[in-house]
Protein backbone atom coordinates (compact mmCIF):
# COMPACT_ATOMS: atom_id res chain seq x y z
CA MET A 1 78.37 -58.72 -276.88
CA LYS A 2 75.01 -60.15 -274.81
CA ASN A 3 72.36 -58.11 -274.30
CA ILE A 4 70.64 -58.16 -270.98
CA GLU A 5 67.24 -57.43 -269.77
CA VAL A 6 66.83 -55.72 -266.02
CA GLU A 7 63.06 -55.11 -265.19
CA PHE A 8 61.06 -55.18 -261.91
CA ARG A 9 57.29 -55.42 -261.81
CA PHE A 10 54.60 -54.64 -258.75
CA GLN A 11 51.11 -54.37 -258.88
CA VAL A 12 49.85 -51.52 -258.84
CA THR A 13 47.34 -50.84 -255.71
CA ASP A 14 46.44 -46.61 -256.62
CA GLU A 15 45.25 -46.53 -260.14
CA GLU A 16 44.87 -42.84 -260.27
CA LYS A 17 48.57 -42.14 -258.26
CA ALA A 18 50.17 -44.91 -260.92
CA ARG A 19 48.27 -42.75 -264.26
CA ASP A 20 49.80 -39.47 -263.00
CA PHE A 21 53.25 -40.78 -262.32
CA LEU A 22 52.65 -42.23 -266.58
CA GLY A 23 51.42 -39.39 -267.24
CA ARG A 24 54.53 -37.47 -266.90
CA LEU A 25 56.55 -39.64 -268.91
CA GLU A 26 56.31 -39.88 -273.03
CA PHE A 27 53.46 -41.94 -274.15
CA ILE A 28 54.30 -44.47 -276.92
CA LYS A 29 51.89 -47.19 -277.62
CA LYS A 30 49.21 -49.27 -276.69
CA SER A 31 48.54 -52.72 -278.22
CA LYS A 32 47.04 -55.87 -277.31
CA GLN A 33 49.30 -58.83 -276.43
CA LYS A 34 49.27 -62.81 -275.86
CA ASP A 35 51.80 -64.41 -274.87
CA VAL A 36 51.79 -68.29 -274.66
CA TYR A 37 54.66 -70.21 -272.97
CA PHE A 38 55.18 -73.46 -274.52
CA ASP A 39 57.48 -76.31 -271.65
CA THR A 40 57.34 -80.17 -271.75
CA GLU A 41 54.35 -82.11 -270.16
CA SER A 42 55.61 -82.27 -267.18
CA GLY A 43 57.02 -78.38 -266.99
CA ASP A 44 60.88 -79.02 -267.08
CA PHE A 45 61.76 -75.79 -268.70
CA TYR A 46 59.52 -74.05 -266.28
CA LYS A 47 61.15 -75.93 -263.29
CA ARG A 48 64.46 -74.54 -264.55
CA GLY A 49 64.07 -71.06 -264.40
CA ILE A 50 63.37 -71.06 -268.84
CA PHE A 51 60.57 -69.28 -270.56
CA ILE A 52 59.91 -70.09 -274.32
CA ARG A 53 57.49 -68.40 -275.37
CA THR A 54 55.25 -66.53 -278.84
CA ARG A 55 54.83 -63.09 -278.18
CA ASP A 56 51.22 -62.62 -281.05
CA GLY A 57 52.15 -65.22 -283.10
CA ARG A 58 54.99 -63.44 -284.36
CA SER A 59 58.02 -63.59 -282.56
CA LEU A 60 59.89 -67.19 -280.75
CA ASP A 61 61.43 -65.52 -277.54
CA PHE A 62 63.44 -67.06 -274.58
CA LYS A 63 64.24 -65.62 -271.41
CA PHE A 64 66.68 -67.16 -268.66
CA ASN A 65 69.16 -66.68 -266.09
CA LEU A 66 71.06 -70.02 -265.70
CA GLU A 67 73.69 -68.04 -263.45
CA ASP A 68 71.47 -66.89 -260.18
CA ASN A 69 68.48 -66.87 -259.15
CA ALA A 70 67.46 -63.15 -259.71
CA HIS A 71 64.13 -62.78 -261.81
CA GLU A 72 65.05 -59.18 -262.54
CA ASP A 73 67.86 -59.41 -265.02
CA CYS A 74 67.80 -62.47 -267.87
CA ASP A 75 69.62 -63.04 -271.56
CA GLU A 76 66.82 -62.71 -273.96
CA HIS A 77 66.83 -64.48 -277.05
CA SER A 78 64.07 -63.01 -279.87
CA PHE A 79 63.94 -64.70 -283.81
CA SER A 80 61.24 -63.63 -285.92
CA ILE A 81 58.49 -66.34 -286.47
CA PRO A 82 59.09 -67.92 -289.65
CA LEU A 83 61.84 -68.90 -288.52
CA THR A 84 64.23 -68.96 -291.65
CA PRO A 85 67.56 -70.23 -292.30
CA LYS A 86 69.65 -67.08 -291.18
CA ASP A 87 68.10 -67.82 -287.95
CA LYS A 88 70.24 -71.26 -288.03
CA ARG A 89 73.77 -70.06 -285.83
CA ARG A 90 72.05 -68.09 -283.25
CA LEU A 91 69.27 -70.35 -282.58
CA ASN A 92 71.56 -73.36 -282.72
CA ALA A 93 73.63 -71.14 -280.23
CA VAL A 94 70.68 -70.90 -278.00
CA CYS A 95 69.68 -74.92 -278.05
CA LYS A 96 72.82 -75.89 -276.81
CA LYS A 97 72.81 -73.29 -274.40
CA LEU A 98 69.33 -74.66 -272.74
CA GLY A 99 69.74 -78.64 -273.71
CA LEU A 100 67.10 -78.13 -276.63
CA LYS A 101 67.57 -80.32 -279.48
CA MET A 102 67.93 -78.23 -282.65
CA PRO A 103 65.79 -79.62 -285.57
CA LYS A 104 67.33 -80.70 -289.88
CA VAL A 105 64.72 -77.79 -291.11
CA ILE A 106 64.53 -74.50 -289.68
CA GLY A 107 60.89 -74.32 -288.97
CA PHE A 108 58.73 -73.63 -285.63
CA GLU A 109 56.64 -76.31 -285.63
CA ASP A 110 59.75 -78.65 -286.64
CA PHE A 111 61.62 -77.25 -283.48
CA MET A 112 58.76 -77.57 -281.00
CA ASN A 113 58.47 -81.12 -282.25
CA ILE A 114 61.66 -82.09 -281.71
CA ASN A 115 61.95 -80.45 -278.36
CA ASN A 116 58.37 -82.04 -277.64
CA LEU A 117 57.56 -78.68 -276.41
CA LYS A 118 53.73 -78.08 -276.21
CA GLU A 119 51.38 -75.12 -275.23
CA PHE A 120 51.58 -74.69 -271.62
CA VAL A 121 50.39 -71.13 -270.16
CA VAL A 122 48.21 -68.31 -272.41
CA ILE A 123 48.55 -64.38 -270.59
CA GLU A 124 46.59 -61.69 -272.20
CA LYS A 125 47.10 -58.32 -271.37
CA VAL A 126 46.62 -54.73 -272.65
CA ARG A 127 50.17 -53.59 -272.76
CA GLU A 128 50.89 -49.24 -272.41
CA LYS A 129 53.94 -48.07 -273.22
CA PHE A 130 55.96 -44.99 -271.63
CA LYS A 131 59.44 -43.94 -271.58
CA ASP A 132 62.02 -41.16 -270.55
CA ASN A 133 65.72 -40.61 -271.25
CA GLU A 134 66.22 -43.83 -269.47
CA PHE A 135 64.10 -46.88 -268.87
CA THR A 136 61.07 -47.94 -270.45
CA TYR A 137 57.49 -48.06 -268.57
CA VAL A 138 54.73 -50.65 -269.22
CA PHE A 139 51.27 -50.42 -267.47
CA ASP A 140 49.67 -53.97 -268.04
CA ASP A 141 45.96 -55.06 -267.75
CA VAL A 142 46.95 -58.44 -267.61
CA ARG A 143 43.51 -60.60 -267.71
CA GLY A 144 42.42 -62.73 -264.60
CA PHE A 145 45.21 -60.65 -262.19
CA GLY A 146 44.92 -57.14 -262.31
CA PHE A 147 47.21 -53.94 -263.12
CA PHE A 148 50.87 -53.79 -262.75
CA ILE A 149 53.97 -51.55 -263.62
CA GLU A 150 57.32 -53.06 -265.03
CA ILE A 151 60.16 -50.62 -265.39
CA GLU A 152 62.76 -52.58 -267.89
CA SER A 153 66.40 -51.60 -269.28
CA MET A 154 68.73 -53.16 -271.40
CA ALA A 155 72.17 -53.53 -270.29
CA MET A 156 75.88 -54.86 -272.09
CA ALA A 157 77.15 -57.83 -270.72
CA GLY A 158 79.74 -56.09 -267.86
CA SER A 159 77.76 -53.38 -266.75
CA ASP A 160 77.15 -52.84 -263.40
CA LEU A 161 73.92 -54.13 -262.80
CA GLU A 162 73.48 -53.38 -259.29
CA ILE A 163 74.41 -49.40 -259.47
CA LEU A 164 71.61 -49.72 -262.59
CA LYS A 165 68.72 -51.86 -260.09
CA LYS A 166 68.73 -48.58 -257.44
CA ARG A 167 68.25 -46.34 -260.11
CA MET A 168 65.65 -48.23 -261.16
CA LYS A 169 64.25 -48.44 -258.09
CA GLU A 170 64.46 -44.76 -257.63
CA LYS A 171 62.88 -43.77 -260.86
CA VAL A 172 59.48 -45.34 -259.21
CA SER A 173 59.87 -45.21 -255.30
CA ILE A 174 56.54 -42.46 -255.16
CA LEU A 175 55.03 -45.16 -255.75
CA ASN A 176 55.55 -47.03 -253.16
CA PRO A 177 55.89 -50.28 -255.24
CA GLU A 178 56.15 -53.24 -253.39
CA PHE A 179 58.78 -55.24 -256.05
CA ILE A 180 57.29 -58.72 -257.23
CA PRO A 181 59.98 -61.59 -257.39
CA VAL A 182 58.06 -63.71 -259.87
CA GLY A 183 56.82 -62.96 -263.39
CA TYR A 184 53.46 -63.01 -265.07
CA ILE A 185 53.63 -66.63 -265.89
CA GLU A 186 54.02 -67.56 -261.68
CA PHE A 187 50.89 -65.91 -261.47
CA PHE A 188 49.27 -68.55 -263.98
CA VAL A 189 50.89 -71.47 -262.93
CA ARG A 190 50.34 -70.89 -259.08
CA GLU A 191 46.74 -70.92 -260.17
CA MET A 192 47.02 -73.64 -262.15
CA ASP A 193 48.81 -76.28 -260.61
CA PHE A 194 50.72 -75.41 -257.05
CA SER A 195 52.58 -78.52 -256.76
CA LEU A 196 54.15 -77.52 -260.41
CA TYR A 197 54.30 -74.28 -258.98
CA LYS A 198 56.29 -75.25 -256.00
CA GLN A 199 58.67 -76.99 -258.29
CA GLY A 200 59.62 -73.92 -260.32
CA ARG A 201 62.66 -71.75 -259.62
CA TYR A 202 60.98 -68.10 -258.68
CA LEU A 203 58.70 -67.89 -255.80
CA PHE A 204 56.46 -65.40 -254.47
CA ASP A 205 58.08 -64.95 -250.64
CA ASP A 206 55.47 -66.45 -248.99
CA ASP A 207 55.73 -69.63 -250.93
CA ARG A 208 59.50 -70.18 -249.69
């Protein structure tokens, strides 16, 4: 049974208040992260709301929602790098779902080459991770764009996502968040190529 990642993201307007809120949670760790997103020359997967990335060169991740335009919940599939033959069956299932080609030889470079994928967007951030007895929280310092908080949860397929989302929003309501209907990649594409950004599935409300 697949897991569904549910997350809400908002920009921090009052860092002191945000720090006070997070200070009441259990601190997990602080780390630097480098996410490299890959796409075709014309951004075909970005346009479809399909995100293919590596994180710190250690994992190959796929995030997508093929059923509706909700950015806050998505299917997520992750593979350790280097890819190995044991990944073949699971990777093949993801490729079939997304219209990607499966290389004859299981390897990261082979996968990128056969699908004509190139480096698309690089996002660097410092992430602080926290949790309570229900959810995970991250405080991100995203290079070039400032501070953000994400509240995250993993749900099993078939779960009542609307109840879960309501509870998540209640948890951070004290911060008066204005939830962002996009991910970090849209910030970068919007600045990099506004025309391409407008062709994506996820846009800021003011750009619709």
